[in-house]
Amino acid sequence: MRRYIRALTLCTVFAVFSGLYVYSKLFSSDVSPGGSGSRKGLVPQRAPRARRGPAGNAGPQGPHWYNRYIMRQWGHKDAAQSRPEPPMHLAVVACGDRLEETVTMIKSAVLFSIKPLYLHIFAEDQLHASFMEAMESWPGFIRSKFNYTVYSISFPSENAAEWKKLFKPCASQRLFLPLILKDVDSVLYVDSDILFLQPVDRLWAFLSEFNSSQLAAMAPEHEEPRIAWYNRFARHPFYGRTGVNSGVMLMNMTRMRATLFKNDMTSVGLHWEELLMPLLQKYKLNITWGDQDLLNIVFHHNPESMLEFSCQWNYRPDHCIYGSNCASAEEDGIYVLHGNRGVYHDHKQPAFRAIYQAIRKYSFGTDPLTSLLDPLQKDLLKTTHTYCGKSHTLFTKRLAHSLADVNRKVPRGA
């Protein structure tokens, strides 16, 4: 009897150890990565995370009074590859009938840019799909040069209506970029009626020229005080002799968020988000050009925070309508064209309209010299009956160099 009990005990022990051995093999097979025919049920799998592109490029996370809407991501970046070069950030606001104008501005930016671009497009909701359709229709070698996010127009809820009706619809959105794009260090804001005639990179490089106190760069509103607006008509403080034009505004937003701005409302400095509404309440009956006037007031009290760049970086009809008065453009040509007052769409300034139409009609991948520059130069010769047309060589001097560079890089048969 004892012999049977001893044998039964040995068999039981053997069976237990055999079971443990088999189970350990099964478990090892289940959790091993890439095991053939393995069952993954033993190890719960996490849902894949949404790809957000390079860290810090897409704006802040979490709910706020603004709404991030659509984003297209950089393509085909492998984690094992070296980190891509940080992009230049370009912001624009588009409302109403500004879709085509804004797309043409973006077209000029991506055509000439050297480093990658990240576009922050603030637009009314009904324009979002059209923006995506336009940009996604461009050839792959162009799409690879930029990424974008399309945002809904939004303002702080307690004063949204007042901000939206200030000057033109949506124009004051630019004032809130430092508060919306909290994870973006610097941005180049441009109006929708801007056209780049050379790489954005040249303008972006001004960031490296900021001294320790400077946090924004703009061009003067005018070079000639006798015909300037601010020094003759403004009923509020303004920057410098003739004010600044905010259609092209380079911002170090990290500094803007951290700075305490001097002002004429309190004896202590105010942060950017604390400054805007009190400023509007104080001056809203005295301002004509909306958010641009508010910026002039801010930098009147904080001139050390401003870097001025010359008029060739923001060339407007005012610089030629009464005769040429932008010396830097006369020397080196126009770098950035600003078609304010709707001159791209009427016949008051045909030289500006000719540049706009040439870039709008250009097809990516075609020879830019024969498809864009040659017909443009012929059209500009038809504008010499106007003061701006008499200066038509200024419009193509820098553009010709930029298009020659593009021509060397255009993939043939693209």
Foldseek 3Di string as FASTA:
>chain_A
DVVVVVVVVVVVVVVVVVVVVVVVVLVCQQPDPPRPPHDVPVPDDDDDDDDDEDPLQQADDDDDQWFFDDWDYQPDDDPPDDDADDAAEEEEEDEDPLLLLLLLQVLLALLAADAAYEYEYEYAPVCVVVNVVSLVPADPVSNNRYIYTYIYQGDPPVCTVVQQPFAHGSPSSVLCVLVGRVSHQKYKYAYSQKGFLHHPVVVVCCVVVQDPQAFKEFAFQDDDLVPADCQVPAPAAFPDSRHTDVRIMIGRSVCLQVDFFDADPDPTGHRSVRPPPVLCVVCVVGDDRGPSVSVRRRCSRVVSHYDYDFCLAEPECVCFQVHHDGVVLVVQARRMYGHPPCCLPDPPQQLSVLQSVLSSPDGALDQCCVSRVVVSVVSLCVRCVGRVSVVSCSHCRSSVVSSVVSNVVRDHPD
